[in-house]
N, C-alpha and C. Protein backbone atom coordinates (compact mmCIF):
# COMPACT_ATOMS: atom_id res chain seq x y z
N MET A 1 0.92 -1.28 -0.04
CA MET A 1 0.14 -0.07 -0.04
C MET A 1 1.06 1.19 0.13
N ILE A 2 0.48 2.37 -0.73
CA ILE A 2 1.13 3.75 -0.68
C ILE A 2 0.52 4.01 0.01
N PHE A 3 1.23 4.97 1.24
CA PHE A 3 0.67 5.67 2.12
C PHE A 3 1.31 7.33 1.78
N THR A 4 0.23 8.22 0.68
CA THR A 4 0.42 9.62 1.12
C THR A 4 0.48 10.69 1.89
N LYS A 5 1.16 11.10 2.85
CA LYS A 5 1.35 12.18 4.09
C LYS A 5 0.41 13.63 3.44
N LEU A 6 -0.63 13.83 4.08
CA LEU A 6 -1.30 14.72 3.55
C LEU A 6 -0.53 16.16 4.72
N GLU A 7 -1.17 17.51 4.11
CA GLU A 7 -0.48 18.64 4.55
C GLU A 7 -1.34 18.96 6.30
N ILE A 8 -2.35 17.83 6.21
CA ILE A 8 -2.93 17.73 7.45
C ILE A 8 -2.69 16.76 8.40
N ASP A 9 -2.02 17.18 9.58
CA ASP A 9 -1.29 15.92 10.36
C ASP A 9 -2.34 14.79 10.48
N GLY A 10 -1.60 13.83 10.15
CA GLY A 10 -2.70 12.40 10.34
C GLY A 10 -3.09 12.09 9.47
N ALA A 11 -3.43 12.70 8.77
CA ALA A 11 -4.40 12.60 7.23
C ALA A 11 -3.51 11.86 6.26
N TYR A 12 -4.21 10.73 5.55
CA TYR A 12 -3.20 10.14 4.64
C TYR A 12 -3.86 9.59 3.26
N LEU A 13 -3.85 9.78 2.34
CA LEU A 13 -4.57 9.39 1.32
C LEU A 13 -3.70 7.87 0.84
N ILE A 14 -4.54 6.83 0.53
CA ILE A 14 -4.23 5.68 0.77
C ILE A 14 -4.06 4.91 -0.53
N GLU A 15 -3.09 4.25 -1.15
CA GLU A 15 -3.45 3.68 -2.94
C GLU A 15 -3.19 2.52 -2.77
N PRO A 16 -4.08 1.51 -2.87
CA PRO A 16 -3.39 -0.08 -2.82
C PRO A 16 -2.41 -0.04 -4.39
N GLU A 17 -1.65 -1.15 -3.97
CA GLU A 17 -0.66 -1.47 -4.75
C GLU A 17 -1.13 -3.32 -5.45
N PRO A 18 -1.71 -2.72 -6.69
CA PRO A 18 -2.50 -4.27 -7.45
C PRO A 18 -1.62 -5.25 -7.58
N TYR A 19 -1.39 -6.34 -7.52
CA TYR A 19 -1.04 -7.54 -8.34
C TYR A 19 -2.06 -7.71 -9.39
N ASN A 20 -1.86 -7.80 -10.90
CA ASN A 20 -2.12 -7.91 -11.83
C ASN A 20 -1.74 -9.07 -12.47
N ASP A 21 -2.91 -9.88 -13.03
CA ASP A 21 -2.81 -10.94 -13.69
C ASP A 21 -4.12 -11.14 -14.82
N ASN A 22 -3.73 -12.25 -15.47
CA ASN A 22 -4.89 -11.99 -16.44
C ASN A 22 -6.53 -12.35 -15.99
N ARG A 23 -6.32 -12.45 -14.69
CA ARG A 23 -7.85 -12.41 -14.06
C ARG A 23 -8.44 -11.12 -13.58
N GLY A 24 -7.54 -10.39 -13.67
CA GLY A 24 -7.70 -8.96 -12.84
C GLY A 24 -6.91 -8.19 -12.44
N PHE A 25 -6.97 -8.09 -11.10
CA PHE A 25 -5.72 -7.82 -9.84
C PHE A 25 -6.43 -8.41 -8.52
N PHE A 26 -5.50 -8.32 -7.64
CA PHE A 26 -5.85 -8.41 -6.25
C PHE A 26 -4.67 -7.60 -5.35
N ALA A 27 -5.30 -6.61 -4.64
CA ALA A 27 -4.67 -5.82 -3.66
C ALA A 27 -5.21 -5.76 -2.19
N ARG A 28 -4.17 -5.56 -1.51
CA ARG A 28 -4.72 -5.28 -0.02
C ARG A 28 -5.45 -4.01 0.34
N GLY A 29 -6.42 -4.20 0.96
CA GLY A 29 -7.44 -2.97 1.44
C GLY A 29 -6.96 -2.09 2.62
N PHE A 30 -6.66 -2.93 3.50
CA PHE A 30 -6.18 -2.96 4.85
C PHE A 30 -5.35 -3.73 5.41
N CYS A 31 -4.36 -2.72 5.98
CA CYS A 31 -3.43 -3.88 6.69
C CYS A 31 -2.91 -3.02 8.04
N LYS A 32 -3.09 -3.57 8.95
CA LYS A 32 -2.98 -2.76 10.46
C LYS A 32 -1.48 -2.63 10.52
N LYS A 33 -0.77 -3.34 10.59
CA LYS A 33 0.71 -3.79 10.52
C LYS A 33 1.39 -2.94 9.84
N GLU A 34 1.05 -3.10 7.98
CA GLU A 34 1.46 -1.88 7.27
C GLU A 34 1.07 -0.53 7.94
N LEU A 35 -0.16 -0.08 7.91
CA LEU A 35 -0.25 1.48 8.42
C LEU A 35 0.40 1.83 9.53
N LYS A 36 0.67 0.89 10.66
CA LYS A 36 1.42 1.08 11.94
C LYS A 36 2.74 1.37 11.24
N ASP A 37 3.56 0.49 10.79
CA ASP A 37 4.91 0.71 10.19
C ASP A 37 5.46 1.73 9.29
N LYS A 38 4.39 2.21 8.44
CA LYS A 38 4.55 3.19 7.83
C LYS A 38 4.22 4.96 7.81
N THR A 39 3.26 4.56 9.01
CA THR A 39 2.57 6.07 9.02
C THR A 39 2.98 6.15 10.74
N GLY A 40 2.94 5.00 11.41
CA GLY A 40 3.02 5.33 12.99
C GLY A 40 1.37 5.29 13.72
N ILE A 41 0.61 5.13 12.72
CA ILE A 41 -0.84 5.00 13.36
C ILE A 41 -1.18 3.74 13.87
N ASP A 42 -1.60 3.50 14.81
CA ASP A 42 -2.34 2.19 15.06
C ASP A 42 -3.59 2.61 15.28
N PHE A 43 -4.29 1.65 14.53
CA PHE A 43 -5.67 1.66 13.90
C PHE A 43 -6.13 0.47 14.15
N ASP A 44 -7.30 0.54 15.39
CA ASP A 44 -7.99 -0.85 15.74
C ASP A 44 -9.71 -0.60 15.24
N VAL A 45 -9.81 -1.19 14.10
CA VAL A 45 -10.98 -1.42 13.23
C VAL A 45 -12.09 -1.92 14.25
N CYS A 46 -13.10 -1.01 14.89
CA CYS A 46 -14.06 -1.40 15.92
C CYS A 46 -15.40 -1.75 15.32
N GLN A 47 -15.40 -1.14 13.99
CA GLN A 47 -16.87 -0.96 13.38
C GLN A 47 -16.64 -0.96 11.64
N ALA A 48 -17.46 -1.20 10.97
CA ALA A 48 -17.13 -0.84 9.35
C ALA A 48 -18.99 -0.19 9.13
N ASN A 49 -18.86 0.34 8.33
CA ASN A 49 -20.09 1.37 8.08
C ASN A 49 -20.22 1.33 6.71
N ILE A 50 -21.34 1.32 6.11
CA ILE A 50 -21.88 1.66 4.50
C ILE A 50 -22.43 2.76 4.50
N SER A 51 -22.41 3.32 3.61
CA SER A 51 -23.44 4.75 3.13
C SER A 51 -23.44 4.37 1.67
N TYR A 52 -24.87 4.59 1.32
CA TYR A 52 -25.47 4.46 -0.05
C TYR A 52 -26.11 5.44 -0.05
N ASN A 53 -25.95 6.19 -1.32
CA ASN A 53 -26.48 7.72 -1.92
C ASN A 53 -27.03 7.52 -3.07
N ILE A 54 -28.21 7.81 -2.83
CA ILE A 54 -28.93 7.99 -4.18
C ILE A 54 -28.81 8.76 -5.95
N LYS A 55 -28.23 10.09 -5.04
CA LYS A 55 -28.50 10.88 -6.07
C LYS A 55 -27.16 11.55 -6.15
N LYS A 56 -26.81 11.81 -7.32
CA LYS A 56 -25.84 12.84 -7.38
C LYS A 56 -25.73 14.04 -6.89
N GLY A 57 -25.06 14.96 -6.24
CA GLY A 57 -24.66 15.75 -5.60
C GLY A 57 -25.42 15.53 -3.92
N THR A 58 -25.55 14.66 -3.68
CA THR A 58 -25.83 14.29 -2.16
C THR A 58 -24.29 14.63 -1.37
N ILE A 59 -24.78 15.32 -0.34
CA ILE A 59 -23.60 15.85 0.91
C ILE A 59 -23.99 15.06 1.65
N ARG A 60 -23.25 14.75 2.59
CA ARG A 60 -23.20 14.14 3.61
C ARG A 60 -22.03 14.84 4.74
N GLY A 61 -22.38 15.25 5.80
CA GLY A 61 -21.38 15.79 6.36
C GLY A 61 -21.25 17.61 7.08
N MET A 62 -20.33 18.14 7.65
CA MET A 62 -19.28 17.63 8.26
C MET A 62 -19.58 16.93 9.32
N HIS A 63 -19.32 15.59 9.62
CA HIS A 63 -19.38 14.77 10.88
C HIS A 63 -18.03 14.57 11.43
N TYR A 64 -18.42 14.78 13.00
CA TYR A 64 -17.35 14.29 13.85
C TYR A 64 -17.90 13.73 15.17
N GLN A 65 -16.77 13.25 15.79
CA GLN A 65 -17.26 13.08 17.41
C GLN A 65 -16.58 13.79 18.35
N ILE A 66 -17.44 14.16 19.57
CA ILE A 66 -16.40 14.86 20.63
C ILE A 66 -15.81 14.26 21.42
N PRO A 67 -14.58 14.72 21.78
CA PRO A 67 -13.86 14.11 23.21
C PRO A 67 -15.01 13.54 23.95
N PRO A 68 -14.63 12.35 24.81
CA PRO A 68 -13.55 11.36 24.76
C PRO A 68 -13.71 10.26 23.27
N TYR A 69 -14.90 10.48 22.79
CA TYR A 69 -15.25 9.57 21.74
C TYR A 69 -14.58 10.21 20.17
N GLU A 70 -13.61 10.82 19.95
CA GLU A 70 -13.23 10.94 18.67
C GLU A 70 -12.93 9.90 18.19
N GLU A 71 -12.80 9.77 16.45
CA GLU A 71 -12.78 8.90 15.78
C GLU A 71 -11.95 8.86 14.52
N GLN A 72 -10.76 7.67 14.27
CA GLN A 72 -10.28 7.76 13.03
C GLN A 72 -11.00 7.39 12.01
N LYS A 73 -11.31 7.37 10.92
CA LYS A 73 -12.11 6.78 9.64
C LYS A 73 -11.08 6.50 8.78
N ILE A 74 -11.17 5.05 7.80
CA ILE A 74 -10.78 4.91 6.44
C ILE A 74 -11.81 5.09 5.56
N VAL A 75 -12.05 6.00 4.74
CA VAL A 75 -13.08 5.98 4.12
C VAL A 75 -12.84 5.31 2.40
N SER A 76 -13.40 4.34 1.50
CA SER A 76 -13.23 4.52 0.30
C SER A 76 -14.51 4.37 -0.24
N CYS A 77 -14.38 4.34 -1.76
CA CYS A 77 -15.65 4.51 -2.67
C CYS A 77 -15.74 3.03 -3.14
N VAL A 78 -16.58 2.14 -2.96
CA VAL A 78 -16.52 1.03 -3.64
C VAL A 78 -17.73 1.10 -4.97
N LYS A 79 -18.41 2.12 -5.24
CA LYS A 79 -19.43 2.17 -6.36
C LYS A 79 -19.48 3.51 -6.67
N GLY A 80 -18.99 4.02 -8.00
CA GLY A 80 -19.38 5.44 -8.21
C GLY A 80 -17.93 6.56 -7.81
N ALA A 81 -18.59 7.69 -7.48
CA ALA A 81 -17.38 8.55 -7.04
C ALA A 81 -17.84 9.62 -6.04
N ILE A 82 -16.58 10.14 -5.51
CA ILE A 82 -17.25 10.78 -4.68
C ILE A 82 -16.24 12.05 -4.32
N PHE A 83 -16.37 12.84 -3.77
CA PHE A 83 -15.70 14.11 -3.53
C PHE A 83 -15.41 14.04 -2.00
N ASP A 84 -14.61 13.66 -1.33
CA ASP A 84 -14.23 13.31 0.15
C ASP A 84 -13.52 14.33 0.90
N VAL A 85 -13.82 14.95 1.93
CA VAL A 85 -13.29 16.12 2.53
C VAL A 85 -13.18 15.64 3.83
N VAL A 86 -11.65 16.14 4.44
CA VAL A 86 -10.98 16.09 5.92
C VAL A 86 -11.15 17.99 6.06
N LEU A 87 -11.38 18.21 7.30
CA LEU A 87 -11.66 19.55 7.83
C LEU A 87 -10.84 19.21 9.14
N ASP A 88 -9.55 19.86 9.78
CA ASP A 88 -9.22 20.00 10.51
C ASP A 88 -9.47 20.88 11.49
N LEU A 89 -10.26 20.54 12.63
CA LEU A 89 -10.91 20.82 13.78
C LEU A 89 -9.96 21.33 15.14
N ARG A 90 -8.60 20.94 14.87
CA ARG A 90 -7.99 20.94 16.32
C ARG A 90 -7.32 22.59 16.28
N LYS A 91 -7.95 23.04 17.46
CA LYS A 91 -7.12 24.22 17.28
C LYS A 91 -5.60 24.39 17.82
N ASP A 92 -5.16 23.41 18.25
CA ASP A 92 -3.80 23.66 18.54
C ASP A 92 -2.90 23.14 17.03
N SER A 93 -3.61 22.68 16.08
CA SER A 93 -2.83 22.38 14.77
C SER A 93 -2.53 23.39 14.14
N LYS A 94 -1.65 23.35 13.06
CA LYS A 94 -1.07 24.21 12.51
C LYS A 94 -1.78 24.53 11.02
N THR A 95 -2.67 23.20 11.02
CA THR A 95 -3.92 23.70 9.87
C THR A 95 -4.84 23.51 10.28
N TYR A 96 -5.19 24.03 11.51
CA TYR A 96 -6.59 24.54 12.02
C TYR A 96 -7.71 25.14 11.04
N LEU A 97 -8.94 24.77 10.66
CA LEU A 97 -10.01 24.79 9.82
C LEU A 97 -9.58 25.02 8.47
N LYS A 98 -8.27 24.29 8.02
CA LYS A 98 -7.79 23.47 6.34
C LYS A 98 -8.72 22.65 6.42
N TRP A 99 -9.15 22.71 5.08
CA TRP A 99 -9.92 21.43 4.54
C TRP A 99 -8.78 20.87 3.34
N LEU A 100 -9.34 19.68 3.21
CA LEU A 100 -8.76 19.13 1.61
C LEU A 100 -9.92 18.17 1.49
N GLY A 101 -9.99 18.19 -0.02
CA GLY A 101 -10.83 17.28 -0.49
C GLY A 101 -10.19 16.37 -1.86
N PHE A 102 -10.60 14.88 -2.04
CA PHE A 102 -9.88 14.17 -2.89
C PHE A 102 -11.43 13.59 -3.48
N GLU A 103 -10.90 13.15 -4.87
CA GLU A 103 -11.66 12.17 -5.45
C GLU A 103 -11.46 11.08 -5.12
N LEU A 104 -12.19 9.99 -4.49
CA LEU A 104 -12.39 8.73 -4.19
C LEU A 104 -13.33 7.99 -5.27
N SER A 105 -13.02 6.63 -6.08
CA SER A 105 -14.02 6.20 -6.65
C SER A 105 -13.69 5.07 -7.00
N GLU A 106 -14.71 4.17 -7.95
CA GLU A 106 -14.77 2.61 -7.73
C GLU A 106 -13.37 2.55 -8.91
N ASP A 107 -12.97 3.45 -9.62
CA ASP A 107 -11.88 3.21 -10.55
C ASP A 107 -10.71 3.56 -10.01
N ASN A 108 -10.51 4.61 -8.79
CA ASN A 108 -9.20 4.95 -8.58
C ASN A 108 -8.80 3.90 -7.27
N TYR A 109 -9.95 3.41 -6.53
CA TYR A 109 -9.64 3.09 -5.50
C TYR A 109 -8.54 3.27 -4.23
N LYS A 110 -8.92 4.40 -4.25
CA LYS A 110 -8.23 5.52 -3.54
C LYS A 110 -8.70 5.19 -1.74
N MET A 111 -8.39 5.60 -0.82
CA MET A 111 -8.78 5.71 0.38
C MET A 111 -8.14 7.03 1.04
N LEU A 112 -9.18 7.60 2.48
CA LEU A 112 -8.57 8.64 2.90
C LEU A 112 -8.92 8.31 4.39
N LEU A 113 -7.74 8.68 4.87
CA LEU A 113 -7.75 8.31 6.52
C LEU A 113 -7.70 9.68 6.90
N ILE A 114 -8.93 9.50 7.59
CA ILE A 114 -9.29 11.31 8.36
C ILE A 114 -8.97 11.01 9.85
N PRO A 115 -8.05 11.61 10.51
CA PRO A 115 -7.55 11.46 11.73
C PRO A 115 -8.55 12.01 12.81
N LYS A 116 -8.42 11.66 14.12
CA LYS A 116 -9.17 12.20 15.18
C LYS A 116 -8.93 13.63 15.14
N GLY A 117 -9.95 14.16 15.75
CA GLY A 117 -10.15 15.75 15.77
C GLY A 117 -10.52 16.34 14.41
N CYS A 118 -10.89 15.57 13.40
CA CYS A 118 -11.00 16.23 12.07
C CYS A 118 -12.40 15.93 11.88
N ALA A 119 -13.18 16.87 11.13
CA ALA A 119 -14.59 16.35 10.69
C ALA A 119 -14.49 15.82 8.86
N HIS A 120 -15.44 15.34 8.59
CA HIS A 120 -15.14 14.32 7.35
C HIS A 120 -16.74 14.71 6.86
N GLY A 121 -16.56 14.61 5.55
CA GLY A 121 -17.74 14.98 4.65
C GLY A 121 -17.46 14.23 3.15
N PHE A 122 -18.58 14.53 2.28
CA PHE A 122 -18.50 14.13 1.26
C PHE A 122 -19.69 14.30 0.15
N GLN A 123 -19.25 14.63 -1.18
CA GLN A 123 -20.46 14.51 -2.22
C GLN A 123 -20.42 13.70 -2.92
N SER A 124 -21.75 13.12 -3.28
CA SER A 124 -21.64 12.12 -4.27
C SER A 124 -21.30 12.78 -5.52
N LEU A 125 -20.58 12.32 -6.80
CA LEU A 125 -20.44 12.80 -7.90
C LEU A 125 -21.09 12.15 -8.81
N VAL A 126 -21.63 10.96 -8.40
CA VAL A 126 -22.80 10.29 -9.48
C VAL A 126 -23.96 9.36 -8.59
N ASP A 127 -24.66 9.02 -9.45
CA ASP A 127 -26.06 8.48 -8.67
C ASP A 127 -25.47 7.11 -8.47
N ASN A 128 -26.02 6.30 -7.18
CA ASN A 128 -26.16 5.07 -6.70
C ASN A 128 -24.57 5.00 -5.93
N THR A 129 -24.23 5.51 -5.43
CA THR A 129 -22.59 5.96 -4.94
C THR A 129 -22.61 4.69 -3.48
N VAL A 130 -21.55 4.33 -3.33
CA VAL A 130 -21.71 3.59 -2.37
C VAL A 130 -20.37 3.52 -1.72
N LEU A 131 -20.22 4.21 -0.26
CA LEU A 131 -18.83 3.88 0.81
C LEU A 131 -18.79 2.92 1.63
N ASN A 132 -17.38 2.96 2.11
CA ASN A 132 -17.42 1.68 2.96
C ASN A 132 -16.45 2.78 4.33
N TYR A 133 -16.75 2.71 5.28
CA TYR A 133 -15.81 3.12 6.66
C TYR A 133 -15.38 2.06 7.21
N LYS A 134 -14.13 2.44 7.49
CA LYS A 134 -13.27 1.53 8.75
C LYS A 134 -13.18 2.56 10.03
N VAL A 135 -13.73 2.23 11.02
CA VAL A 135 -13.92 3.46 12.05
C VAL A 135 -13.08 2.48 13.03
N ASP A 136 -12.30 3.24 13.85
CA ASP A 136 -11.58 2.93 15.04
C ASP A 136 -12.30 3.43 16.63
N GLN A 137 -13.78 3.81 16.33
CA GLN A 137 -14.78 4.33 17.69
C GLN A 137 -15.75 3.81 17.19
N TYR A 138 -16.26 3.14 18.27
CA TYR A 138 -17.98 3.20 18.31
C TYR A 138 -18.66 4.50 17.92
N PHE A 139 -19.78 3.77 17.60
CA PHE A 139 -20.83 5.46 17.11
C PHE A 139 -21.34 5.60 18.63
N ASN A 140 -21.31 7.17 18.85
CA ASN A 140 -21.78 7.45 20.32
C ASN A 140 -22.95 8.60 20.00
N PRO A 141 -24.39 8.04 20.01
CA PRO A 141 -25.16 9.32 19.62
C PRO A 141 -25.28 10.47 20.29
N ALA A 142 -24.66 10.72 21.66
CA ALA A 142 -24.32 11.54 22.46
C ALA A 142 -23.17 12.50 22.43
N ALA A 143 -21.91 12.03 21.49
CA ALA A 143 -20.99 12.34 20.95
C ALA A 143 -20.67 13.03 19.56
N ASP A 144 -21.87 12.61 18.87
CA ASP A 144 -22.27 12.97 17.50
C ASP A 144 -22.30 14.55 17.22
N SER A 145 -21.41 14.98 16.21
CA SER A 145 -21.64 16.53 16.16
C SER A 145 -21.35 17.13 14.43
N GLY A 146 -21.43 18.14 14.35
CA GLY A 146 -21.27 18.28 13.03
C GLY A 146 -20.99 19.63 12.74
N VAL A 147 -20.24 20.42 11.78
CA VAL A 147 -20.07 21.86 11.50
C VAL A 147 -20.76 21.54 10.14
N ARG A 148 -21.57 23.08 9.88
CA ARG A 148 -22.45 23.14 8.44
C ARG A 148 -21.50 23.33 7.48
N TYR A 149 -22.00 22.18 6.45
CA TYR A 149 -21.69 21.85 5.23
C TYR A 149 -20.91 23.06 4.31
N ASN A 150 -21.64 24.29 4.57
CA ASN A 150 -21.45 25.42 3.57
C ASN A 150 -20.83 26.57 4.56
N ASP A 151 -20.49 26.22 5.58
CA ASP A 151 -19.84 27.49 6.61
C ASP A 151 -19.26 28.06 5.91
N PRO A 152 -19.63 29.62 5.91
CA PRO A 152 -18.96 30.79 4.98
C PRO A 152 -17.42 30.55 4.94
N LEU A 153 -16.76 30.53 6.14
CA LEU A 153 -15.92 31.05 6.64
C LEU A 153 -14.71 29.90 6.34
N ILE A 154 -15.00 28.59 6.02
CA ILE A 154 -14.41 27.16 5.88
C ILE A 154 -14.33 27.36 4.53
N ASN A 155 -15.34 27.63 3.80
CA ASN A 155 -15.41 27.59 2.76
C ASN A 155 -14.98 26.48 1.51
N ILE A 156 -15.44 25.38 2.08
CA ILE A 156 -15.50 24.20 1.38
C ILE A 156 -16.26 24.14 0.29
N ASP A 157 -15.42 23.94 -1.08
CA ASP A 157 -15.76 23.78 -2.44
C ASP A 157 -16.17 22.44 -3.30
N PHE A 158 -17.16 22.38 -2.73
CA PHE A 158 -17.87 21.01 -2.87
C PHE A 158 -18.08 21.38 -4.73
N PRO A 159 -17.99 20.59 -5.71
CA PRO A 159 -17.66 20.64 -6.70
C PRO A 159 -19.47 20.82 -7.39
N ILE A 160 -20.30 20.28 -6.75
CA ILE A 160 -21.96 20.20 -7.47
C ILE A 160 -22.39 21.39 -6.62
N LYS A 161 -22.93 22.44 -7.26
CA LYS A 161 -23.27 23.64 -6.65
C LYS A 161 -24.75 23.55 -6.53
N THR A 162 -25.41 23.10 -7.19
CA THR A 162 -27.24 23.05 -7.79
C THR A 162 -27.64 21.64 -7.41
N ASP A 163 -28.73 21.55 -7.15
CA ASP A 163 -29.72 20.42 -6.76
C ASP A 163 -28.72 19.37 -5.89
N ILE A 164 -28.42 19.67 -5.13
CA ILE A 164 -27.97 19.25 -3.82
C ILE A 164 -28.95 18.30 -3.05
N THR A 165 -28.77 17.21 -2.17
CA THR A 165 -29.46 16.58 -1.40
C THR A 165 -28.75 16.67 0.08
N ILE A 166 -29.20 17.06 0.90
CA ILE A 166 -28.67 17.15 2.30
C ILE A 166 -29.95 16.63 3.22
N SER A 167 -29.39 16.10 4.04
CA SER A 167 -30.57 15.52 5.43
C SER A 167 -30.49 16.78 6.17
N ASP A 168 -31.78 16.75 6.83
CA ASP A 168 -32.64 17.83 7.60
C ASP A 168 -31.31 18.13 8.83
N LYS A 169 -31.10 16.92 9.76
CA LYS A 169 -30.01 16.94 10.42
C LYS A 169 -28.36 17.98 9.98
N ASP A 170 -28.14 17.64 9.07
CA ASP A 170 -26.77 18.22 8.44
C ASP A 170 -27.13 20.06 7.84
N LYS A 171 -28.47 20.24 7.73
CA LYS A 171 -28.83 21.21 7.47
C LYS A 171 -28.81 22.37 8.81
N LYS A 172 -28.98 21.52 9.61
CA LYS A 172 -29.19 21.86 11.33
C LYS A 172 -27.80 22.28 11.68
N HIS A 173 -26.36 21.87 11.64
CA HIS A 173 -25.36 22.24 11.99
C HIS A 173 -25.32 23.47 12.03
N LYS A 174 -24.57 23.97 12.87
CA LYS A 174 -24.14 25.25 13.04
C LYS A 174 -22.62 25.75 12.53
N ASP A 175 -22.52 26.81 12.33
CA ASP A 175 -21.12 27.19 11.81
C ASP A 175 -20.02 26.89 12.52
N TRP A 176 -18.60 26.99 12.45
CA TRP A 176 -17.84 26.27 13.45
C TRP A 176 -17.49 27.55 14.37
N ILE A 177 -17.49 27.39 15.78
CA ILE A 177 -17.32 29.12 16.49
C ILE A 177 -15.81 29.51 16.43
N TYR A 178 -15.34 30.14 16.07
CA TYR A 178 -13.72 30.26 16.01
C TYR A 178 -13.29 30.83 17.31
């Protein structure tokens, strides 16, 4: 696996290294030991989630869990394509309030590691998109929180501007208090 360190501390773009033959290819999608050896990150998967998104333009986010229930996520798109976003909410970070976005798709097999203390969200770029999340913390409804996806000071540039679908819950997230 190829781990590309991103500008946000603890965030990585992960790419499999496929073994190709006449049948197609085989590649490792997760290896705790390799992740630890190459990045220093100890990631214990305790939950795996699936997100299915009917319509192109669907936005989910920006989600995070408050301390002490912060979570790391490894996100992949197994069907379709998404614009995946990590947002640094750690006030002591040199990249505080910086966001990065990447296209993850069924064609590029890339994954995004979202570190603790960061919010995560995405926009589906095609209809019928499916994501897979590996998470190192159990979901805790009391710790569930978010930042408004269109907070004007953070200014995330989602690629699809019109005809977006977003949940009532995500619409009600507040702007980040600076």
